Amino acid sequence: MSDKRLLRKMKKLASRIHQQMENVRDVMDDLEIEFELLQSQISKLEVRRGKSTSNDDEVEVILDEEDEEQIDLENTSTVTIKQKF
């Protein structure tokens, strides 16, 4: 491959990577804003809850073990899914 062609391909790749980095930065900025809004809503609800009841109540979260059954479609070449009926 000639040096000019190699240089052109490398610049094109660098441009694509730069564009993806900009996209990720934009998404991260949006997520940070949403996270701050969510945190403020949680704080408001905790303050409101503290006024109406005591904080002695604890909430227990139970997660289902269904994560093992999920299929990673990006990393599999053949996908087999169980039929529901």
N, C-alpha and C. Protein backbone atom coordinates (compact mmCIF):
# COMPACT_ATOMS: atom_id res chain seq x y z
N MET A 1 0.85 -1.16 0.00
CA MET A 1 0.00 0.00 0.00
C MET A 1 0.90 1.24 0.00
N SER A 2 0.56 2.19 -0.79
CA SER A 2 1.39 3.39 -0.86
C SER A 2 1.21 4.23 0.40
N ASP A 3 2.19 5.05 0.68
CA ASP A 3 2.14 5.88 1.87
C ASP A 3 0.99 6.87 1.83
N LYS A 4 0.69 7.40 0.64
CA LYS A 4 -0.42 8.35 0.52
C LYS A 4 -1.74 7.68 0.86
N ARG A 5 -1.94 6.48 0.34
CA ARG A 5 -3.19 5.77 0.59
C ARG A 5 -3.30 5.40 2.07
N LEU A 6 -2.20 4.93 2.63
CA LEU A 6 -2.19 4.58 4.05
C LEU A 6 -2.48 5.80 4.91
N LEU A 7 -1.87 6.91 4.59
CA LEU A 7 -2.10 8.14 5.34
C LEU A 7 -3.55 8.59 5.22
N ARG A 8 -4.13 8.49 4.03
CA ARG A 8 -5.53 8.87 3.81
C ARG A 8 -6.46 7.99 4.64
N LYS A 9 -6.19 6.67 4.66
CA LYS A 9 -7.04 5.76 5.44
C LYS A 9 -6.91 6.03 6.94
N MET A 10 -5.70 6.33 7.38
CA MET A 10 -5.50 6.62 8.79
C MET A 10 -6.21 7.91 9.20
N LYS A 11 -6.18 8.92 8.34
CA LYS A 11 -6.89 10.17 8.63
C LYS A 11 -8.39 9.94 8.67
N LYS A 12 -8.89 9.10 7.76
CA LYS A 12 -10.32 8.79 7.74
C LYS A 12 -10.71 8.07 9.03
N LEU A 13 -9.89 7.12 9.45
CA LEU A 13 -10.16 6.40 10.69
C LEU A 13 -10.11 7.34 11.89
N ALA A 14 -9.13 8.24 11.91
CA ALA A 14 -9.02 9.21 13.00
C ALA A 14 -10.25 10.11 13.04
N SER A 15 -10.74 10.49 11.87
CA SER A 15 -11.93 11.32 11.80
C SER A 15 -13.15 10.59 12.36
N ARG A 16 -13.29 9.31 12.01
CA ARG A 16 -14.41 8.51 12.53
C ARG A 16 -14.32 8.37 14.05
N ILE A 17 -13.12 8.10 14.54
CA ILE A 17 -12.95 7.95 15.99
C ILE A 17 -13.27 9.27 16.69
N HIS A 18 -12.83 10.37 16.11
CA HIS A 18 -13.12 11.68 16.70
C HIS A 18 -14.62 11.94 16.75
N GLN A 19 -15.32 11.59 15.69
CA GLN A 19 -16.77 11.77 15.65
C GLN A 19 -17.45 10.92 16.72
N GLN A 20 -17.01 9.68 16.87
CA GLN A 20 -17.58 8.81 17.90
C GLN A 20 -17.30 9.36 19.30
N MET A 21 -16.11 9.90 19.50
CA MET A 21 -15.78 10.50 20.80
C MET A 21 -16.69 11.68 21.09
N GLU A 22 -16.97 12.50 20.10
CA GLU A 22 -17.88 13.63 20.28
C GLU A 22 -19.28 13.14 20.62
N ASN A 23 -19.72 12.09 19.95
CA ASN A 23 -21.04 11.53 20.24
C ASN A 23 -21.11 11.02 21.67
N VAL A 24 -20.06 10.33 22.11
CA VAL A 24 -20.03 9.81 23.47
C VAL A 24 -20.03 10.96 24.48
N ARG A 25 -19.29 12.02 24.19
CA ARG A 25 -19.29 13.19 25.09
C ARG A 25 -20.68 13.79 25.20
N ASP A 26 -21.37 13.91 24.07
CA ASP A 26 -22.73 14.46 24.10
C ASP A 26 -23.65 13.59 24.93
N VAL A 27 -23.55 12.29 24.74
CA VAL A 27 -24.40 11.36 25.50
C VAL A 27 -24.06 11.44 26.99
N MET A 28 -22.78 11.52 27.32
CA MET A 28 -22.38 11.63 28.72
C MET A 28 -22.91 12.92 29.35
N ASP A 29 -22.86 14.01 28.61
CA ASP A 29 -23.41 15.27 29.12
C ASP A 29 -24.90 15.13 29.41
N ASP A 30 -25.62 14.51 28.49
CA ASP A 30 -27.05 14.30 28.68
C ASP A 30 -27.31 13.41 29.89
N LEU A 31 -26.53 12.35 30.03
CA LEU A 31 -26.70 11.44 31.17
C LEU A 31 -26.39 12.13 32.49
N GLU A 32 -25.39 12.98 32.51
CA GLU A 32 -25.07 13.71 33.74
C GLU A 32 -26.22 14.62 34.14
N ILE A 33 -26.82 15.28 33.18
CA ILE A 33 -27.96 16.16 33.46
C ILE A 33 -29.13 15.34 34.00
N GLU A 34 -29.43 14.21 33.33
CA GLU A 34 -30.52 13.36 33.79
C GLU A 34 -30.24 12.80 35.18
N PHE A 35 -28.99 12.45 35.45
CA PHE A 35 -28.62 11.92 36.75
C PHE A 35 -28.82 12.98 37.84
N GLU A 36 -28.41 14.20 37.57
CA GLU A 36 -28.60 15.28 38.54
C GLU A 36 -30.08 15.54 38.81
N LEU A 37 -30.89 15.51 37.75
CA LEU A 37 -32.33 15.69 37.93
C LEU A 37 -32.92 14.55 38.77
N LEU A 38 -32.49 13.34 38.49
CA LEU A 38 -32.96 12.19 39.25
C LEU A 38 -32.55 12.30 40.72
N GLN A 39 -31.32 12.71 40.96
CA GLN A 39 -30.85 12.88 42.34
C GLN A 39 -31.66 13.95 43.07
N SER A 40 -31.98 15.03 42.38
CA SER A 40 -32.77 16.08 43.03
C SER A 40 -34.18 15.60 43.33
N GLN A 41 -34.76 14.82 42.42
CA GLN A 41 -36.09 14.26 42.67
C GLN A 41 -36.06 13.30 43.85
N ILE A 42 -35.00 12.49 43.94
CA ILE A 42 -34.87 11.57 45.07
C ILE A 42 -34.76 12.35 46.37
N SER A 43 -33.98 13.40 46.37
CA SER A 43 -33.83 14.22 47.58
C SER A 43 -35.16 14.84 47.99
N LYS A 44 -35.90 15.35 47.02
CA LYS A 44 -37.20 15.95 47.33
C LYS A 44 -38.15 14.92 47.90
N LEU A 45 -38.17 13.72 47.31
CA LEU A 45 -39.06 12.67 47.81
C LEU A 45 -38.64 12.21 49.20
N GLU A 46 -37.34 12.14 49.46
CA GLU A 46 -36.89 11.75 50.79
C GLU A 46 -37.28 12.79 51.83
N VAL A 47 -37.18 14.06 51.48
CA VAL A 47 -37.57 15.12 52.40
C VAL A 47 -39.07 15.05 52.65
N ARG A 48 -39.85 14.88 51.60
CA ARG A 48 -41.30 14.79 51.74
C ARG A 48 -41.67 13.55 52.56
N ARG A 49 -41.00 12.44 52.30
CA ARG A 49 -41.28 11.21 53.03
C ARG A 49 -40.89 11.36 54.49
N GLY A 50 -39.80 12.06 54.75
CA GLY A 50 -39.36 12.28 56.12
C GLY A 50 -40.36 13.10 56.91
N LYS A 51 -41.05 14.01 56.24
CA LYS A 51 -42.05 14.84 56.92
C LYS A 51 -43.31 14.03 57.23
N SER A 52 -43.69 13.12 56.33
CA SER A 52 -44.95 12.40 56.53
C SER A 52 -44.77 11.17 57.40
N THR A 53 -43.65 10.46 57.28
CA THR A 53 -43.41 9.27 58.10
C THR A 53 -41.97 9.28 58.58
N SER A 54 -41.67 8.38 59.48
CA SER A 54 -40.29 8.28 59.96
C SER A 54 -39.46 7.49 58.96
N ASN A 55 -38.15 7.60 59.05
CA ASN A 55 -37.26 6.93 58.12
C ASN A 55 -36.88 5.53 58.59
N ASP A 56 -37.65 4.96 59.53
CA ASP A 56 -37.34 3.63 60.04
C ASP A 56 -37.68 2.54 59.03
N ASP A 57 -38.57 2.85 58.10
CA ASP A 57 -38.95 1.86 57.10
C ASP A 57 -37.82 1.70 56.10
N GLU A 58 -37.47 0.45 55.83
CA GLU A 58 -36.45 0.18 54.83
C GLU A 58 -37.09 -0.59 53.68
N VAL A 59 -36.62 -0.32 52.50
CA VAL A 59 -37.13 -0.98 51.31
C VAL A 59 -36.12 -2.04 50.90
N GLU A 60 -36.61 -3.26 50.71
CA GLU A 60 -35.75 -4.35 50.27
C GLU A 60 -35.98 -4.60 48.79
N VAL A 61 -34.91 -4.60 48.04
CA VAL A 61 -34.99 -4.81 46.60
C VAL A 61 -34.51 -6.21 46.30
N ILE A 62 -35.36 -6.96 45.60
CA ILE A 62 -35.01 -8.33 45.21
C ILE A 62 -34.87 -8.36 43.71
N LEU A 63 -33.71 -8.77 43.25
CA LEU A 63 -33.45 -8.85 41.82
C LEU A 63 -33.65 -10.27 41.34
N ASP A 64 -34.28 -10.42 40.20
CA ASP A 64 -34.46 -11.74 39.62
C ASP A 64 -33.15 -12.22 39.02
N GLU A 65 -32.99 -13.51 38.99
CA GLU A 65 -31.77 -14.11 38.44
C GLU A 65 -31.93 -14.42 36.96
N GLU A 66 -32.63 -13.57 36.22
CA GLU A 66 -32.88 -13.81 34.81
C GLU A 66 -31.74 -13.34 33.92
N ASP A 67 -30.74 -12.70 34.49
CA ASP A 67 -29.63 -12.21 33.69
C ASP A 67 -28.88 -13.33 33.00
N GLU A 68 -28.85 -14.51 33.61
CA GLU A 68 -28.13 -15.62 33.03
C GLU A 68 -28.79 -16.10 31.74
N GLU A 69 -30.07 -15.89 31.59
CA GLU A 69 -30.79 -16.37 30.43
C GLU A 69 -30.72 -15.41 29.25
N GLN A 70 -30.26 -14.20 29.47
CA GLN A 70 -30.18 -13.24 28.38
C GLN A 70 -29.05 -13.62 27.44
N ILE A 71 -29.26 -13.36 26.16
CA ILE A 71 -28.29 -13.72 25.14
C ILE A 71 -27.60 -12.46 24.66
N ASP A 72 -26.29 -12.52 24.59
CA ASP A 72 -25.50 -11.41 24.06
C ASP A 72 -25.45 -11.56 22.56
N LEU A 73 -26.29 -10.80 21.84
CA LEU A 73 -26.41 -10.96 20.40
C LEU A 73 -25.19 -10.47 19.66
N GLU A 74 -24.44 -9.56 20.23
CA GLU A 74 -23.27 -9.04 19.54
C GLU A 74 -22.12 -10.04 19.51
N ASN A 75 -22.07 -10.93 20.48
CA ASN A 75 -20.94 -11.84 20.60
C ASN A 75 -21.28 -13.27 20.20
N THR A 76 -22.40 -13.48 19.57
CA THR A 76 -22.74 -14.83 19.14
C THR A 76 -22.95 -14.86 17.64
N SER A 77 -22.54 -15.96 17.05
CA SER A 77 -22.75 -16.09 15.61
C SER A 77 -24.05 -16.82 15.31
N THR A 78 -24.43 -17.75 16.19
CA THR A 78 -25.67 -18.48 16.02
C THR A 78 -26.52 -18.22 17.26
N VAL A 79 -27.75 -17.80 17.04
CA VAL A 79 -28.63 -17.47 18.15
C VAL A 79 -29.75 -18.49 18.18
N THR A 80 -29.93 -19.12 19.34
CA THR A 80 -31.05 -20.02 19.53
C THR A 80 -31.85 -19.51 20.72
N ILE A 81 -33.14 -19.34 20.51
CA ILE A 81 -34.01 -18.80 21.55
C ILE A 81 -35.13 -19.80 21.78
N LYS A 82 -35.41 -20.06 23.06
CA LYS A 82 -36.48 -20.99 23.40
C LYS A 82 -37.82 -20.36 23.06
N GLN A 83 -38.70 -21.17 22.49
CA GLN A 83 -40.04 -20.67 22.20
C GLN A 83 -40.86 -20.69 23.47
N LYS A 84 -41.76 -19.73 23.59
CA LYS A 84 -42.56 -19.61 24.80
C LYS A 84 -43.70 -20.62 24.87
N PHE A 85 -44.14 -21.13 23.74
CA PHE A 85 -45.23 -22.09 23.75
C PHE A 85 -44.97 -23.21 22.80
